[in-house]
Amino acid sequence: SDLGDAQTALYTVPLSPQGDYAKVSSGEDWWGPMPDPFDPRFAAATDQMARNAAAQFGNDPYLIGYFVDNELDWGQGWSKNPRARYNIALGALAAGSESPAKSAFIAQLTRTYHDPDKLAQAWKIPLSSWNELRRDGFALSDENLGKAAVVGDLAAFTRLFAEAYFRTVSEALRRHDRHHLYLGSRFAWQTPEAVEAC
């Protein structure tokens, strides 16, 4: 058949999970805060999105695949400023204690350092218990952000966050539509961690 024909043209579909799930402020939030992939409600919203897409497009041989979400603020990967580059990790730290992303970040730090005193030494901050990280509005100074250990931990959480996001979306689409590609996210700002996870 003639693929140039309007009735047989190949195409892609943009999708976006809808629902009342937690979000993480990136500090910019041009299109809104980032979806929190550690919130089970995000997985449910993503599953519903994939189910709806499969019902509408699942048998269409001219569909190449799906893009999910548009121009999320993954951070300014080209920036040497950790506030701009690791804004998701810093947003998770600043979030309230009910934030699933914050809980995931603290769990990652606990696995890495085992003891809050060791984290305090590495980050050069006063910290006597993990609960101090759980407080709303936790922030690091510019001086602390210059520490290699801090940057390494922010990068590690950025990777964990991106992997959780893309895995959740990918698994939902595979569950409901095995015939079409998951083409990832349409990137604007990006970090190497997000691109590699995608």
Protein backbone atom coordinates (compact mmCIF):
# COMPACT_ATOMS: atom_id res chain seq x y z
CA SER A 1 0.00 0.00 0.00
CA ASP A 2 0.99 3.62 -0.44
CA LEU A 3 2.23 4.87 2.97
CA GLY A 4 1.83 8.43 1.71
CA ASP A 5 -1.94 7.95 1.54
CA ALA A 6 -3.68 9.87 4.35
CA GLN A 7 -5.65 6.77 5.33
CA THR A 8 -2.54 4.65 5.77
CA ALA A 9 -0.03 7.17 7.14
CA LEU A 10 2.17 5.98 9.97
CA TYR A 11 1.76 7.99 13.16
CA THR A 12 2.60 8.26 16.88
CA VAL A 13 0.34 9.12 19.81
CA PRO A 14 1.25 11.41 22.73
CA LEU A 15 -0.09 10.25 26.10
CA SER A 16 -0.04 11.63 29.63
CA PRO A 17 -1.19 9.89 32.82
CA GLN A 18 -4.06 11.71 34.51
CA GLY A 19 -4.94 11.41 38.15
CA ASP A 20 -4.52 12.52 41.70
CA TYR A 21 -0.98 11.29 42.36
CA ALA A 22 1.89 12.96 44.18
CA LYS A 23 4.19 15.31 42.32
CA VAL A 24 7.67 16.72 42.94
CA SER A 25 8.49 20.37 42.32
CA SER A 26 11.52 20.89 40.14
CA GLY A 27 11.69 24.55 41.08
CA GLU A 28 10.67 25.60 37.56
CA ASP A 29 7.49 23.61 36.94
CA TRP A 30 6.78 25.21 33.54
CA TRP A 31 4.18 22.59 32.71
CA GLY A 32 3.57 21.60 36.32
CA PRO A 33 5.51 19.56 38.86
CA MET A 34 7.04 16.19 37.97
CA PRO A 35 4.97 13.04 38.49
CA ASP A 36 6.18 11.13 41.55
CA PRO A 37 6.89 7.62 40.24
CA PHE A 38 7.16 6.25 43.78
CA ASP A 39 3.50 6.99 44.47
CA PRO A 40 1.32 3.89 43.84
CA ARG A 41 -1.36 6.26 42.53
CA PHE A 42 1.01 7.18 39.67
CA ALA A 43 1.30 3.50 38.73
CA ALA A 44 -2.51 3.23 38.79
CA ALA A 45 -2.91 6.36 36.63
CA THR A 46 -0.30 5.07 34.20
CA ASP A 47 -1.99 1.69 34.01
CA GLN A 48 -5.33 3.36 33.24
CA MET A 49 -3.67 5.54 30.58
CA ALA A 50 -2.15 2.45 28.92
CA ARG A 51 -5.42 0.51 29.11
CA ASN A 52 -7.30 3.39 27.45
CA ALA A 53 -4.65 3.78 24.74
CA ALA A 54 -4.68 0.05 23.97
CA ALA A 55 -8.46 0.03 23.71
CA GLN A 56 -8.33 2.89 21.21
CA PHE A 57 -5.15 2.15 19.24
CA GLY A 58 -4.02 -1.38 20.13
CA ASN A 59 -5.01 -3.03 16.83
CA ASP A 60 -3.90 -0.23 14.51
CA PRO A 61 -1.03 -1.46 12.29
CA TYR A 62 -0.17 2.12 11.29
CA LEU A 63 0.58 3.26 14.83
CA ILE A 64 4.34 3.26 15.47
CA GLY A 65 4.03 3.82 19.21
CA TYR A 66 3.48 6.16 22.11
CA PHE A 67 5.30 9.11 23.60
CA VAL A 68 4.38 9.63 27.24
CA ASP A 69 4.57 13.12 28.76
CA ASN A 70 5.97 16.20 27.14
CA GLU A 71 8.86 18.42 28.18
CA LEU A 72 9.11 17.29 31.79
CA ASP A 73 11.70 19.23 33.77
CA TRP A 74 14.36 16.57 34.37
CA GLY A 75 16.93 19.25 35.14
CA GLN A 76 19.50 21.24 33.21
CA GLY A 77 22.01 18.52 32.43
CA TRP A 78 24.37 20.98 30.80
CA SER A 79 24.58 23.16 33.93
CA LYS A 80 27.43 23.00 36.41
CA ASN A 81 25.07 24.39 39.06
CA PRO A 82 23.74 21.45 41.13
CA ARG A 83 20.53 23.39 41.89
CA ALA A 84 19.69 23.50 38.20
CA ARG A 85 21.04 20.08 37.32
CA TYR A 86 19.60 18.05 40.22
CA ASN A 87 16.39 19.99 40.82
CA ILE A 88 14.25 16.85 41.16
CA ALA A 89 16.42 15.42 43.94
CA LEU A 90 16.45 18.78 45.73
CA GLY A 91 12.68 19.07 45.24
CA ALA A 92 12.21 15.64 46.79
CA LEU A 93 14.33 16.61 49.81
CA ALA A 94 12.33 19.82 50.25
CA ALA A 95 8.96 18.05 49.97
CA GLY A 96 6.76 17.23 52.92
CA SER A 97 7.10 14.06 54.93
CA GLU A 98 4.15 12.52 53.04
CA SER A 99 6.08 12.61 49.74
CA PRO A 100 6.78 9.12 48.34
CA ALA A 101 9.81 10.52 46.45
CA LYS A 102 11.23 11.96 49.66
CA SER A 103 10.76 8.60 51.38
CA ALA A 104 12.52 6.86 48.47
CA PHE A 105 15.44 9.31 48.64
CA ILE A 106 15.83 8.88 52.41
CA ALA A 107 15.67 5.09 51.96
CA GLN A 108 18.43 5.32 49.33
CA LEU A 109 20.57 7.46 51.66
CA THR A 110 19.94 5.02 54.52
CA ARG A 111 21.13 2.11 52.36
CA THR A 112 24.21 4.07 51.33
CA TYR A 113 25.26 5.50 54.71
CA HIS A 114 23.47 3.23 57.24
CA ASP A 115 23.89 5.86 59.96
CA PRO A 116 22.85 9.54 59.92
CA ASP A 117 26.23 10.52 61.40
CA LYS A 118 27.99 9.12 58.32
CA LEU A 119 25.71 11.12 56.03
CA ALA A 120 26.34 14.22 58.17
CA GLN A 121 30.10 13.75 57.75
CA ALA A 122 29.87 13.18 54.00
CA TRP A 123 27.55 16.12 53.39
CA LYS A 124 29.12 18.35 56.06
CA ILE A 125 25.75 19.10 57.66
CA PRO A 126 24.43 18.81 61.21
CA LEU A 127 22.24 15.69 61.31
CA SER A 128 21.56 13.54 64.33
CA SER A 129 18.66 11.45 63.01
CA TRP A 130 17.01 10.46 59.73
CA ASN A 131 13.90 12.30 60.92
CA GLU A 132 15.64 15.62 60.40
CA LEU A 133 15.67 14.88 56.64
CA ARG A 134 11.92 14.23 56.78
CA ARG A 135 10.99 17.74 57.82
CA ASP A 136 9.21 19.95 55.30
CA GLY A 137 11.44 22.34 53.41
CA PHE A 138 14.76 20.57 54.03
CA ALA A 139 17.35 22.45 51.97
CA LEU A 140 21.08 22.39 51.38
CA SER A 141 23.23 25.51 51.27
CA ASP A 142 25.23 26.46 48.20
CA GLU A 143 28.37 25.51 50.14
CA ASN A 144 27.02 22.01 50.83
CA LEU A 145 26.04 21.62 47.18
CA GLY A 146 29.72 22.00 46.29
CA LYS A 147 30.61 18.76 48.10
CA ALA A 148 31.36 15.77 45.86
CA ALA A 149 29.41 13.39 48.10
CA VAL A 150 26.31 15.58 47.90
CA VAL A 151 26.50 15.82 44.11
CA GLY A 152 27.03 12.06 43.84
CA ASP A 153 23.98 11.34 46.00
CA LEU A 154 21.82 13.85 44.10
CA ALA A 155 22.88 12.24 40.81
CA ALA A 156 22.15 8.75 42.18
CA PHE A 157 18.65 9.78 43.25
CA THR A 158 18.02 11.51 39.92
CA ARG A 159 18.85 8.20 38.23
CA LEU A 160 16.64 6.23 40.65
CA PHE A 161 13.75 8.66 40.07
CA ALA A 162 14.09 8.49 36.27
CA GLU A 163 14.39 4.69 36.28
CA ALA A 164 11.25 4.39 38.42
CA TYR A 165 9.34 6.77 36.13
CA PHE A 166 10.30 5.09 32.84
CA ARG A 167 9.94 1.56 34.24
CA THR A 168 6.41 2.31 35.52
CA VAL A 169 5.33 3.73 32.16
CA SER A 170 7.03 0.99 30.14
CA GLU A 171 5.54 -1.84 32.19
CA ALA A 172 2.03 -0.37 31.90
CA LEU A 173 2.27 -0.02 28.12
CA ARG A 174 3.72 -3.53 27.73
CA ARG A 175 0.96 -4.97 29.89
CA HIS A 176 -1.79 -3.51 27.71
CA ASP A 177 -0.27 -3.08 24.23
CA ARG A 178 2.57 -5.36 23.15
CA HIS A 179 2.18 -4.43 19.47
CA HIS A 180 3.44 -0.86 19.62
CA LEU A 181 6.61 0.87 20.77
CA TYR A 182 7.12 2.95 23.85
CA LEU A 183 9.06 5.88 22.39
CA GLY A 184 9.91 7.48 25.72
CA SER A 185 9.30 11.05 26.75
CA ARG A 186 9.57 14.09 24.54
CA PHE A 187 12.51 15.83 26.21
CA ALA A 188 13.20 19.52 26.58
CA TRP A 189 15.46 19.94 29.64
CA GLN A 190 17.24 16.74 30.44
CA THR A 191 20.00 15.15 32.45
CA PRO A 192 22.18 12.23 31.37
CA GLU A 193 20.53 10.18 34.13
CA ALA A 194 17.06 10.74 32.66
CA VAL A 195 18.11 10.07 29.08
CA GLU A 196 19.96 6.88 30.01
CA ALA A 197 17.01 5.65 32.10
CA CYS A 198 14.65 6.33 29.19
